[in-house]
Amino acid sequence: MRNWFVLQTKPLKEAMVEKLLVEAGMMVYCPRYKDEDGRVRSLFPCYEFVYFDYPKQYRLVRFTRGVRRVVGNEAGPIPVETAIIEGIRSREVNGFIILEEEPPPPEIGDLVEVVKGPFKGFRGIFSRTMTGDQRVLILLNYLHFHGKLIIDRSFIRKACPKK
């Protein structure tokens, strides 16, 4: 039965494996992105997706030069749902995955929301960055409570005002 499977390749052999399997008539998907310097990189280094008929084409795939293994368990390779491949492809523009950019840091007065930790869901006003740029001070205003919260910067993000 034809399905998508994950291959683990030897280091830096993704392109060679892709070329060999495409020449053998198989569909190969190796998602790529461009880094900050414009260099093309594999989204999953040493891994790529291959659509083939298991068990009929298994040996051809498994013993292709540059392939380390077909990802699976004792029962054999584990198929990957087509929806996962389509989900990854949906993030492509001009053949490259668009990575989410880190949002700009909040500025004094911005509304922020706590997204991790025991205060998750709380909203406040960004007051200032503490020493070392790792912690921030936000001002909370909930019902009759007015307080300050010092929290790790990675626990907050800019929030949109509620409508």
Protein backbone atom coordinates (compact mmCIF):
# COMPACT_ATOMS: atom_id res chain seq x y z
CA MET A 1 0.00 0.00 0.00
CA ARG A 2 1.37 3.43 -0.99
CA ASN A 3 1.89 5.86 1.88
CA TRP A 4 4.19 8.62 2.99
CA PHE A 5 7.05 7.46 5.21
CA VAL A 6 9.93 9.25 6.91
CA LEU A 7 13.50 8.44 5.91
CA GLN A 8 16.52 9.17 8.02
CA THR A 9 19.48 9.96 5.80
CA LYS A 10 23.14 10.10 6.51
CA PRO A 11 24.37 13.62 7.37
CA LEU A 12 24.23 16.06 4.43
CA LYS A 13 22.90 13.36 2.07
CA GLU A 14 19.29 14.58 1.77
CA ALA A 15 19.77 16.00 -1.75
CA MET A 16 21.54 12.88 -3.03
CA VAL A 17 18.88 10.55 -1.60
CA GLU A 18 16.13 12.75 -3.01
CA LYS A 19 17.72 12.66 -6.48
CA LEU A 20 18.18 8.88 -6.43
CA LEU A 21 14.62 8.18 -5.27
CA VAL A 22 13.08 10.61 -7.77
CA GLU A 23 15.08 8.88 -10.52
CA ALA A 24 13.56 5.60 -9.26
CA GLY A 25 10.09 7.10 -9.82
CA MET A 26 9.13 7.98 -6.26
CA MET A 27 7.71 11.18 -4.80
CA VAL A 28 10.08 12.75 -2.29
CA TYR A 29 9.39 15.74 -0.09
CA CYS A 30 12.27 17.43 1.70
CA PRO A 31 10.96 20.73 3.10
CA ARG A 32 13.49 23.55 2.93
CA TYR A 33 13.73 27.12 4.16
CA LYS A 34 16.10 30.04 3.73
CA ASP A 35 18.01 31.17 6.81
CA GLU A 36 18.81 34.78 7.73
CA ASP A 37 21.82 34.73 5.38
CA GLY A 38 19.77 33.43 2.44
CA ARG A 39 21.27 29.92 2.54
CA VAL A 40 18.91 27.05 1.75
CA ARG A 41 18.55 24.64 4.69
CA SER A 42 16.59 21.47 5.32
CA LEU A 43 13.71 22.00 7.74
CA PHE A 44 14.40 18.54 9.19
CA PRO A 45 18.14 17.86 8.77
CA CYS A 46 18.80 14.20 7.93
CA TYR A 47 15.09 13.48 7.35
CA GLU A 48 12.76 13.54 4.37
CA PHE A 49 9.39 12.15 3.36
CA VAL A 50 9.02 9.50 0.66
CA TYR A 51 5.82 8.19 -0.90
CA PHE A 52 6.21 4.53 -1.75
CA ASP A 53 4.50 1.13 -1.74
CA TYR A 54 5.30 -0.81 1.44
CA PRO A 55 6.38 -3.63 1.43
CA LYS A 56 6.82 -3.87 -2.36
CA GLN A 57 9.36 -1.01 -2.69
CA TYR A 58 10.77 -1.14 0.83
CA ARG A 59 14.13 -2.74 -0.04
CA LEU A 60 14.70 -0.30 -2.91
CA VAL A 61 14.12 2.65 -0.55
CA ARG A 62 15.91 1.20 2.47
CA PHE A 63 19.07 0.31 0.57
CA THR A 64 19.32 3.48 -1.50
CA ARG A 65 22.76 5.03 -1.07
CA GLY A 66 22.68 7.64 1.70
CA VAL A 67 19.63 6.23 3.54
CA ARG A 68 20.26 5.36 7.17
CA ARG A 69 16.80 3.88 7.86
CA VAL A 70 13.09 4.12 7.26
CA VAL A 71 11.58 5.40 10.50
CA GLY A 72 9.42 2.81 12.20
CA ASN A 73 9.32 0.15 14.89
CA GLU A 74 9.57 -3.63 15.14
CA ALA A 75 6.41 -4.01 13.03
CA GLY A 76 7.89 -1.99 10.15
CA PRO A 77 7.85 1.57 8.87
CA ILE A 78 5.22 3.89 10.32
CA PRO A 79 3.15 5.72 7.70
CA VAL A 80 2.72 9.49 7.92
CA GLU A 81 -0.75 10.93 7.33
CA THR A 82 -1.08 12.90 4.11
CA ALA A 83 -2.59 15.74 6.17
CA ILE A 84 0.76 16.23 7.89
CA ILE A 85 2.57 16.57 4.56
CA GLU A 86 -0.14 18.95 3.30
CA GLY A 87 0.15 20.98 6.52
CA ILE A 88 3.87 21.44 6.02
CA ARG A 89 3.42 22.25 2.32
CA SER A 90 0.77 24.84 3.15
CA ARG A 91 3.48 26.94 4.79
CA GLU A 92 5.53 27.07 1.57
CA VAL A 93 5.95 30.15 -0.56
CA ASN A 94 7.97 29.77 -3.79
CA GLY A 95 9.15 26.31 -2.68
CA PHE A 96 10.43 27.36 0.75
CA ILE A 97 8.84 27.01 4.17
CA ILE A 98 8.08 30.35 5.76
CA LEU A 99 9.18 30.24 9.36
CA GLU A 100 7.27 32.29 11.88
CA GLU A 101 9.31 35.29 12.78
CA GLU A 102 9.80 36.13 16.40
CA PRO A 103 7.46 38.96 17.28
CA PRO A 104 9.07 42.28 18.08
CA PRO A 105 9.70 42.85 21.78
CA PRO A 106 6.99 44.79 23.57
CA GLU A 107 7.54 48.46 24.21
CA ILE A 108 6.64 50.43 27.30
CA GLY A 109 2.87 50.81 27.46
CA ASP A 110 2.06 47.81 25.22
CA LEU A 111 -0.66 45.42 26.28
CA VAL A 112 0.90 42.00 26.91
CA GLU A 113 -0.48 38.58 27.76
CA VAL A 114 1.15 35.87 29.84
CA VAL A 115 1.24 32.71 27.69
CA LYS A 116 3.04 30.27 30.04
CA GLY A 117 3.26 29.53 33.72
CA PRO A 118 0.84 29.98 36.63
CA PHE A 119 -0.25 33.44 35.43
CA LYS A 120 -1.19 32.19 31.94
CA GLY A 121 -4.04 34.24 30.51
CA PHE A 122 -3.35 37.33 32.62
CA ARG A 123 -3.00 40.59 30.74
CA GLY A 124 -1.09 43.64 31.78
CA ILE A 125 0.79 46.68 30.62
CA PHE A 126 4.47 46.27 29.77
CA SER A 127 6.44 48.48 32.13
CA ARG A 128 10.12 47.73 31.61
CA THR A 129 12.84 45.16 31.03
CA MET A 130 14.71 44.08 34.12
CA THR A 131 18.45 43.37 34.27
CA GLY A 132 19.81 40.90 31.73
CA ASP A 133 16.89 41.26 29.27
CA GLN A 134 15.46 37.96 30.51
CA ARG A 135 12.86 39.29 32.93
CA VAL A 136 10.26 41.99 32.50
CA LEU A 137 7.93 43.96 34.74
CA ILE A 138 4.27 44.13 33.82
CA LEU A 139 1.51 46.01 35.60
CA LEU A 140 -1.62 44.00 36.37
CA ASN A 141 -5.08 45.48 36.90
CA TYR A 142 -7.72 42.85 37.76
CA LEU A 143 -10.95 43.83 39.47
CA HIS A 144 -9.76 45.35 42.73
CA PHE A 145 -6.19 44.10 42.42
CA HIS A 146 -3.43 46.36 41.15
CA GLY A 147 0.01 44.83 41.18
CA LYS A 148 3.32 44.32 39.53
CA LEU A 149 4.57 41.03 38.16
CA ILE A 150 8.17 40.24 37.33
CA ILE A 151 8.21 37.41 34.83
CA ASP A 152 10.50 35.73 32.30
CA ARG A 153 10.35 37.51 28.93
CA SER A 154 9.62 34.23 27.11
CA PHE A 155 6.38 33.92 29.13
CA ILE A 156 4.74 36.97 27.51
CA ARG A 157 3.70 38.19 24.09
CA LYS A 158 2.07 41.31 22.77
CA ALA A 159 -1.69 41.06 23.04
CA CYS A 160 -4.45 42.45 20.90
CA PRO A 161 -7.03 44.52 22.76
CA LYS A 162 -10.22 42.54 23.49
CA LYS A 163 -13.23 43.66 21.51
